[in-house]
């Protein structure tokens, strides 16, 4: 289980600077964190949610880690806009003997988004191959 306060570099922004969060709510299969010292009218949230479906060999778990950040538009000085980014894992838990292949798949996604492939350096500035494709709408 995650700590109630994420304040030791668990979350960083595009400049590589720590962003601190505190647990806001928790239910059976979902938790929500809010950024510490956020402006109430401009919420910044981290949520984690799990749902399961099927039984036996057909059982699957869908897990989502999501960030939503509301800011004032860069076009005018009054319109709030919400930016969202989320990662979904669709895991066939009922037919998996271990999490090894799901871990490989997740590692491939993370490395594609956060690196250029030639190094193992994480690029927080969103210049990794996958991040550039997402931000610029490229293929």
N, C-alpha and C. Protein backbone atom coordinates (compact mmCIF):
# COMPACT_ATOMS: atom_id res chain seq x y z
N UNK A 1 0.84 -1.18 0.00
CA UNK A 1 0.00 0.00 0.00
C UNK A 1 0.89 1.24 0.00
N UNK A 2 0.47 2.24 -0.73
CA UNK A 2 1.21 3.50 -0.78
C UNK A 2 1.10 4.25 0.54
N UNK A 3 2.07 5.08 0.81
CA UNK A 3 2.02 5.95 1.97
C UNK A 3 0.88 6.94 1.82
N UNK A 4 0.42 7.49 2.93
CA UNK A 4 -0.64 8.51 2.87
C UNK A 4 -0.13 9.82 2.29
N UNK A 5 1.17 10.05 2.37
CA UNK A 5 1.77 11.25 1.79
C UNK A 5 2.88 10.81 0.84
N UNK A 6 2.80 11.26 -0.40
CA UNK A 6 3.84 10.99 -1.39
C UNK A 6 4.73 12.23 -1.44
N UNK A 7 5.81 12.20 -0.69
CA UNK A 7 6.66 13.40 -0.58
C UNK A 7 8.15 13.07 -0.60
N UNK A 8 8.50 11.92 -1.15
CA UNK A 8 9.91 11.57 -1.26
C UNK A 8 10.25 11.17 -2.69
N UNK A 9 9.92 12.05 -3.62
CA UNK A 9 10.23 11.88 -5.04
C UNK A 9 9.46 10.76 -5.74
N UNK A 10 8.31 10.34 -5.19
CA UNK A 10 7.50 9.35 -5.90
C UNK A 10 6.90 9.94 -7.16
N UNK A 11 6.64 11.25 -7.16
CA UNK A 11 6.04 11.92 -8.31
C UNK A 11 6.92 13.12 -8.66
N UNK A 12 7.25 13.23 -9.94
CA UNK A 12 8.04 14.37 -10.42
C UNK A 12 7.35 14.99 -11.63
N UNK A 13 7.54 16.28 -11.82
CA UNK A 13 6.98 16.96 -12.99
C UNK A 13 7.98 16.92 -14.15
N UNK A 14 7.68 17.60 -15.24
CA UNK A 14 8.53 17.55 -16.43
C UNK A 14 9.90 18.18 -16.23
N UNK A 15 10.06 18.97 -15.18
CA UNK A 15 11.38 19.54 -14.86
C UNK A 15 12.17 18.62 -13.93
N UNK A 16 11.57 17.47 -13.56
CA UNK A 16 12.23 16.55 -12.64
C UNK A 16 12.10 16.97 -11.19
N UNK A 17 11.22 17.93 -10.92
CA UNK A 17 11.01 18.44 -9.57
C UNK A 17 9.91 17.66 -8.88
N UNK A 18 10.14 17.31 -7.64
CA UNK A 18 9.16 16.58 -6.86
C UNK A 18 7.84 17.34 -6.74
N UNK A 19 6.73 16.62 -6.88
CA UNK A 19 5.40 17.15 -6.64
C UNK A 19 4.81 16.30 -5.52
N UNK A 20 4.41 16.95 -4.42
CA UNK A 20 3.95 16.22 -3.24
C UNK A 20 2.44 16.07 -3.23
N UNK A 21 1.98 14.88 -2.84
CA UNK A 21 0.56 14.55 -2.78
C UNK A 21 0.21 13.96 -1.43
N UNK A 22 -1.04 14.13 -1.03
CA UNK A 22 -1.56 13.57 0.20
C UNK A 22 -2.84 12.81 -0.11
N UNK A 23 -3.01 11.67 0.55
CA UNK A 23 -4.21 10.85 0.30
C UNK A 23 -5.46 11.62 0.72
N UNK A 24 -6.40 11.70 -0.20
CA UNK A 24 -7.65 12.43 0.02
C UNK A 24 -8.78 11.47 0.42
N UNK A 25 -8.84 10.32 -0.26
CA UNK A 25 -9.88 9.33 0.04
C UNK A 25 -9.43 7.95 -0.39
N UNK A 26 -10.02 6.95 0.24
CA UNK A 26 -9.76 5.56 -0.12
C UNK A 26 -11.04 4.77 0.04
N UNK A 27 -11.34 3.94 -0.94
CA UNK A 27 -12.45 3.00 -0.84
C UNK A 27 -11.87 1.62 -1.11
N UNK A 28 -12.71 0.65 -1.31
CA UNK A 28 -12.27 -0.73 -1.47
C UNK A 28 -11.24 -0.91 -2.57
N UNK A 29 -11.46 -0.36 -3.74
CA UNK A 29 -10.57 -0.59 -4.88
C UNK A 29 -10.11 0.69 -5.55
N UNK A 30 -10.19 1.83 -4.84
CA UNK A 30 -9.78 3.10 -5.41
C UNK A 30 -9.23 4.02 -4.32
N UNK A 31 -8.23 4.81 -4.70
CA UNK A 31 -7.72 5.85 -3.81
C UNK A 31 -7.45 7.10 -4.62
N UNK A 32 -7.59 8.24 -3.97
CA UNK A 32 -7.36 9.53 -4.62
C UNK A 32 -6.43 10.35 -3.75
N UNK A 33 -5.43 10.95 -4.39
CA UNK A 33 -4.49 11.85 -3.73
C UNK A 33 -4.69 13.26 -4.28
N UNK A 34 -4.46 14.26 -3.47
CA UNK A 34 -4.48 15.65 -3.93
C UNK A 34 -3.09 16.25 -3.72
N UNK A 35 -2.74 17.19 -4.57
CA UNK A 35 -1.44 17.84 -4.42
C UNK A 35 -1.46 18.67 -3.14
N UNK A 36 -0.38 18.57 -2.38
CA UNK A 36 -0.27 19.39 -1.18
C UNK A 36 -0.26 20.86 -1.56
N UNK A 37 -0.95 21.68 -0.82
CA UNK A 37 -1.00 23.13 -1.02
C UNK A 37 -1.53 23.55 -2.38
N UNK A 38 -2.43 22.75 -2.96
CA UNK A 38 -3.02 23.13 -4.24
C UNK A 38 -4.02 24.26 -4.03
N UNK A 39 -4.28 24.99 -5.09
CA UNK A 39 -5.33 26.01 -5.08
C UNK A 39 -6.66 25.28 -5.18
N UNK A 40 -7.59 25.48 -4.23
CA UNK A 40 -8.84 24.72 -4.23
C UNK A 40 -9.61 24.77 -5.56
N UNK A 41 -9.58 25.88 -6.25
CA UNK A 41 -10.31 25.98 -7.52
C UNK A 41 -9.55 25.35 -8.68
N UNK A 42 -8.31 24.92 -8.44
CA UNK A 42 -7.49 24.29 -9.48
C UNK A 42 -6.97 22.95 -8.96
N UNK A 43 -7.84 21.94 -8.85
CA UNK A 43 -7.42 20.67 -8.27
C UNK A 43 -6.37 19.94 -9.12
N UNK A 44 -5.50 19.24 -8.43
CA UNK A 44 -4.47 18.41 -9.05
C UNK A 44 -4.57 17.06 -8.36
N UNK A 45 -5.03 16.04 -9.07
CA UNK A 45 -5.34 14.75 -8.46
C UNK A 45 -4.55 13.60 -9.08
N UNK A 46 -4.23 12.64 -8.24
CA UNK A 46 -3.68 11.35 -8.63
C UNK A 46 -4.69 10.32 -8.15
N UNK A 47 -5.16 9.46 -9.03
CA UNK A 47 -6.09 8.41 -8.61
C UNK A 47 -5.60 7.05 -9.10
N UNK A 48 -5.91 6.06 -8.31
CA UNK A 48 -5.56 4.68 -8.64
C UNK A 48 -6.83 3.85 -8.44
N UNK A 49 -7.21 3.08 -9.47
CA UNK A 49 -8.45 2.32 -9.40
C UNK A 49 -8.26 0.95 -10.03
N UNK A 50 -8.88 -0.06 -9.41
CA UNK A 50 -8.82 -1.43 -9.92
C UNK A 50 -10.24 -1.98 -10.04
N UNK A 51 -10.51 -2.66 -11.15
CA UNK A 51 -11.77 -3.38 -11.32
C UNK A 51 -11.44 -4.76 -11.85
N UNK A 52 -12.20 -5.75 -11.42
CA UNK A 52 -12.00 -7.12 -11.89
C UNK A 52 -13.27 -7.62 -12.53
N UNK A 53 -13.10 -8.46 -13.54
CA UNK A 53 -14.24 -9.05 -14.23
C UNK A 53 -13.90 -10.49 -14.59
N UNK A 54 -14.92 -11.27 -14.82
CA UNK A 54 -14.73 -12.67 -15.20
C UNK A 54 -14.35 -13.53 -14.01
N UNK A 55 -14.28 -14.84 -14.27
CA UNK A 55 -13.89 -15.80 -13.24
C UNK A 55 -12.98 -16.85 -13.86
N UNK A 56 -12.30 -17.55 -12.99
CA UNK A 56 -11.43 -18.64 -13.44
C UNK A 56 -10.37 -18.15 -14.41
N UNK A 57 -10.18 -18.89 -15.48
CA UNK A 57 -9.17 -18.55 -16.49
C UNK A 57 -9.49 -17.25 -17.21
N UNK A 58 -10.73 -16.81 -17.18
CA UNK A 58 -11.16 -15.59 -17.87
C UNK A 58 -11.11 -14.35 -16.97
N UNK A 59 -10.64 -14.50 -15.73
CA UNK A 59 -10.61 -13.34 -14.84
C UNK A 59 -9.56 -12.33 -15.30
N UNK A 60 -9.95 -11.06 -15.30
CA UNK A 60 -9.07 -9.96 -15.72
C UNK A 60 -9.14 -8.86 -14.68
N UNK A 61 -8.04 -8.14 -14.53
CA UNK A 61 -8.01 -6.95 -13.69
C UNK A 61 -7.64 -5.77 -14.56
N UNK A 62 -8.44 -4.71 -14.46
CA UNK A 62 -8.14 -3.46 -15.16
C UNK A 62 -7.73 -2.45 -14.10
N UNK A 63 -6.49 -2.00 -14.18
CA UNK A 63 -5.96 -1.04 -13.22
C UNK A 63 -5.61 0.25 -13.93
N UNK A 64 -5.96 1.37 -13.30
CA UNK A 64 -5.73 2.68 -13.90
C UNK A 64 -5.02 3.58 -12.90
N UNK A 65 -3.92 4.19 -13.33
CA UNK A 65 -3.26 5.25 -12.58
C UNK A 65 -3.47 6.51 -13.41
N UNK A 66 -4.04 7.53 -12.78
CA UNK A 66 -4.45 8.72 -13.55
C UNK A 66 -4.08 10.00 -12.81
N UNK A 67 -3.59 10.97 -13.59
CA UNK A 67 -3.35 12.32 -13.09
C UNK A 67 -4.28 13.27 -13.82
N UNK A 68 -4.94 14.14 -13.06
CA UNK A 68 -5.77 15.21 -13.61
C UNK A 68 -5.30 16.51 -12.97
N UNK A 69 -4.97 17.49 -13.79
CA UNK A 69 -4.49 18.77 -13.28
C UNK A 69 -5.25 19.90 -13.95
N UNK A 70 -5.93 20.70 -13.14
CA UNK A 70 -6.67 21.84 -13.65
C UNK A 70 -5.80 23.08 -13.51
N UNK A 71 -5.70 23.82 -14.61
CA UNK A 71 -4.90 25.05 -14.66
C UNK A 71 -5.72 26.11 -15.40
N UNK A 72 -5.24 27.32 -15.36
CA UNK A 72 -5.87 28.39 -16.13
C UNK A 72 -5.31 28.33 -17.55
N UNK A 73 -6.18 28.47 -18.53
CA UNK A 73 -5.81 28.40 -19.94
C UNK A 73 -4.66 29.35 -20.27
N UNK A 74 -3.80 28.94 -21.16
CA UNK A 74 -2.73 29.80 -21.64
C UNK A 74 -3.23 30.76 -22.70
N UNK A 75 -4.48 30.60 -23.16
CA UNK A 75 -5.06 31.45 -24.20
C UNK A 75 -5.72 32.68 -23.59
N UNK A 76 -6.37 32.49 -22.45
CA UNK A 76 -6.93 33.63 -21.73
C UNK A 76 -6.63 33.46 -20.25
N UNK A 77 -6.96 34.40 -19.46
CA UNK A 77 -6.58 34.34 -18.05
C UNK A 77 -7.73 33.95 -17.12
N UNK A 78 -8.80 33.39 -17.69
CA UNK A 78 -9.95 33.05 -16.84
C UNK A 78 -10.48 31.64 -17.03
N UNK A 79 -10.22 31.00 -18.14
CA UNK A 79 -10.81 29.70 -18.43
C UNK A 79 -10.00 28.57 -17.80
N UNK A 80 -10.61 27.82 -16.87
CA UNK A 80 -9.90 26.65 -16.32
C UNK A 80 -9.98 25.49 -17.32
N UNK A 81 -8.87 24.79 -17.46
CA UNK A 81 -8.82 23.60 -18.32
C UNK A 81 -8.20 22.46 -17.51
N UNK A 82 -8.60 21.24 -17.83
CA UNK A 82 -8.07 20.08 -17.12
C UNK A 82 -7.27 19.23 -18.09
N UNK A 83 -6.02 18.96 -17.72
CA UNK A 83 -5.16 18.06 -18.47
C UNK A 83 -5.18 16.72 -17.75
N UNK A 84 -5.32 15.63 -18.52
CA UNK A 84 -5.37 14.29 -17.93
C UNK A 84 -4.40 13.37 -18.64
N UNK A 85 -3.74 12.53 -17.86
CA UNK A 85 -2.88 11.48 -18.41
C UNK A 85 -3.09 10.25 -17.55
N UNK A 86 -3.26 9.12 -18.20
CA UNK A 86 -3.45 7.91 -17.41
C UNK A 86 -2.86 6.70 -18.10
N UNK A 87 -2.57 5.73 -17.28
CA UNK A 87 -1.98 4.48 -17.72
C UNK A 87 -2.95 3.37 -17.33
N UNK A 88 -3.27 2.49 -18.27
CA UNK A 88 -4.20 1.40 -18.01
C UNK A 88 -3.46 0.08 -18.21
N UNK A 89 -3.62 -0.81 -17.25
CA UNK A 89 -3.10 -2.16 -17.37
C UNK A 89 -4.29 -3.11 -17.40
N UNK A 90 -4.41 -3.90 -18.45
CA UNK A 90 -5.46 -4.92 -18.57
C UNK A 90 -4.77 -6.26 -18.44
N UNK A 91 -4.90 -6.86 -17.26
CA UNK A 91 -4.08 -8.00 -16.86
C UNK A 91 -4.94 -9.27 -16.74
N UNK A 92 -4.64 -10.30 -17.52
CA UNK A 92 -5.40 -11.56 -17.45
C UNK A 92 -4.96 -12.39 -16.23
N UNK A 93 -5.36 -11.95 -15.04
CA UNK A 93 -4.88 -12.59 -13.80
C UNK A 93 -5.29 -14.05 -13.69
N UNK A 94 -6.44 -14.42 -14.22
CA UNK A 94 -6.91 -15.79 -14.10
C UNK A 94 -6.09 -16.79 -14.89
N UNK A 95 -5.44 -16.36 -15.95
CA UNK A 95 -4.66 -17.26 -16.80
C UNK A 95 -3.16 -16.99 -16.70
N UNK A 96 -2.75 -16.24 -15.68
CA UNK A 96 -1.33 -15.92 -15.53
C UNK A 96 -0.77 -16.64 -14.30
N UNK A 97 0.32 -17.36 -14.51
CA UNK A 97 0.96 -18.05 -13.39
C UNK A 97 1.81 -17.09 -12.55
N UNK A 98 2.28 -16.02 -13.20
CA UNK A 98 3.06 -15.00 -12.49
C UNK A 98 2.83 -13.67 -13.20
N UNK A 99 3.34 -12.61 -12.62
CA UNK A 99 3.20 -11.29 -13.23
C UNK A 99 4.33 -10.93 -14.16
N UNK A 100 5.18 -11.89 -14.51
CA UNK A 100 6.38 -11.59 -15.29
C UNK A 100 6.08 -10.98 -16.66
N UNK A 101 5.16 -11.55 -17.40
CA UNK A 101 4.88 -11.01 -18.74
C UNK A 101 4.13 -9.69 -18.68
N UNK A 102 3.28 -9.52 -17.66
CA UNK A 102 2.61 -8.22 -17.50
C UNK A 102 3.66 -7.17 -17.14
N UNK A 103 4.62 -7.53 -16.29
CA UNK A 103 5.70 -6.61 -15.92
C UNK A 103 6.53 -6.25 -17.15
N UNK A 104 6.80 -7.23 -18.02
CA UNK A 104 7.53 -6.95 -19.26
C UNK A 104 6.77 -5.96 -20.14
N UNK A 105 5.47 -6.16 -20.27
CA UNK A 105 4.65 -5.29 -21.09
C UNK A 105 4.62 -3.88 -20.53
N UNK A 106 4.46 -3.75 -19.22
CA UNK A 106 4.45 -2.43 -18.59
C UNK A 106 5.82 -1.76 -18.72
N UNK A 107 6.90 -2.51 -18.56
CA UNK A 107 8.25 -1.96 -18.71
C UNK A 107 8.47 -1.45 -20.13
N UNK A 108 7.96 -2.17 -21.12
CA UNK A 108 8.09 -1.73 -22.51
C UNK A 108 7.36 -0.40 -22.73
N UNK A 109 6.18 -0.26 -22.16
CA UNK A 109 5.43 0.99 -22.29
C UNK A 109 6.16 2.14 -21.62
N UNK A 110 6.60 1.91 -20.38
CA UNK A 110 7.31 2.97 -19.65
C UNK A 110 8.58 3.37 -20.38
N UNK A 111 9.36 2.42 -20.86
CA UNK A 111 10.61 2.75 -21.54
C UNK A 111 10.34 3.49 -22.85
N UNK A 112 9.28 3.12 -23.58
CA UNK A 112 8.96 3.80 -24.83
C UNK A 112 8.55 5.25 -24.59
N UNK A 113 7.79 5.49 -23.55
CA UNK A 113 7.32 6.84 -23.26
C UNK A 113 8.42 7.70 -22.65
N UNK A 114 9.27 7.12 -21.80
CA UNK A 114 10.20 7.93 -21.00
C UNK A 114 11.67 7.81 -21.40
N UNK A 115 11.96 7.26 -22.59
CA UNK A 115 13.36 7.19 -23.01
C UNK A 115 13.46 7.32 -24.52
N UNK A 116 14.70 7.47 -24.97
CA UNK A 116 14.98 7.52 -26.41
C UNK A 116 15.48 6.17 -26.92
N UNK A 117 15.62 5.21 -26.03
CA UNK A 117 16.02 3.88 -26.42
C UNK A 117 17.51 3.62 -26.33
N UNK A 118 18.33 4.62 -26.51
CA UNK A 118 19.78 4.42 -26.51
C UNK A 118 20.36 4.41 -25.09
N UNK A 119 19.59 4.87 -24.13
CA UNK A 119 20.07 4.91 -22.75
C UNK A 119 18.97 4.40 -21.82
N UNK A 120 19.30 4.24 -20.56
CA UNK A 120 18.31 3.85 -19.57
C UNK A 120 17.87 5.04 -18.74
N UNK A 121 18.22 6.24 -19.17
CA UNK A 121 17.85 7.45 -18.46
C UNK A 121 16.37 7.75 -18.64
N UNK A 122 15.69 8.06 -17.54
CA UNK A 122 14.28 8.46 -17.61
C UNK A 122 14.24 9.94 -17.97
N UNK A 123 13.47 10.26 -19.00
CA UNK A 123 13.36 11.64 -19.47
C UNK A 123 12.07 12.26 -18.94
N UNK A 124 12.18 12.94 -17.81
CA UNK A 124 11.01 13.58 -17.21
C UNK A 124 10.49 14.74 -18.06
N UNK A 125 11.32 15.26 -18.95
CA UNK A 125 10.92 16.42 -19.76
C UNK A 125 10.01 16.03 -20.93
N UNK A 126 9.61 14.79 -20.98
CA UNK A 126 8.68 14.28 -22.00
C UNK A 126 9.25 14.34 -23.41
N UNK A 127 10.56 14.10 -23.54
CA UNK A 127 11.19 14.03 -24.85
C UNK A 127 11.45 12.59 -25.29
N UNK A 128 10.96 11.62 -24.51
CA UNK A 128 11.07 10.21 -24.92
C UNK A 128 10.24 9.98 -26.17
N UNK A 129 10.57 8.93 -26.92
CA UNK A 129 9.90 8.66 -28.18
C UNK A 129 8.39 8.60 -28.05
N UNK A 130 7.90 7.86 -27.10
CA UNK A 130 6.45 7.72 -26.92
C UNK A 130 5.80 9.01 -26.42
N UNK A 131 6.47 9.73 -25.52
CA UNK A 131 5.92 10.98 -25.00
C UNK A 131 5.78 12.01 -26.12
N UNK A 132 6.77 12.09 -26.99
CA UNK A 132 6.71 13.03 -28.11
C UNK A 132 5.54 12.67 -29.03
N UNK A 133 5.35 11.37 -29.30
CA UNK A 133 4.23 10.96 -30.14
C UNK A 133 2.90 11.33 -29.48
N UNK A 134 2.78 11.14 -28.17
CA UNK A 134 1.54 11.50 -27.47
C UNK A 134 1.30 13.01 -27.48
N UNK A 135 2.32 13.78 -27.19
CA UNK A 135 2.15 15.23 -27.07
C UNK A 135 1.95 15.93 -28.41
N UNK A 136 2.56 15.38 -29.46
CA UNK A 136 2.46 16.03 -30.77
C UNK A 136 1.47 15.35 -31.73
N UNK A 137 0.82 14.28 -31.25
CA UNK A 137 -0.13 13.58 -32.11
C UNK A 137 0.54 12.82 -33.23
N UNK A 138 1.79 12.41 -33.01
CA UNK A 138 2.54 11.75 -34.07
C UNK A 138 2.37 10.25 -34.09
N UNK A 139 2.76 9.67 -35.20
CA UNK A 139 2.74 8.22 -35.37
C UNK A 139 4.14 7.75 -35.70
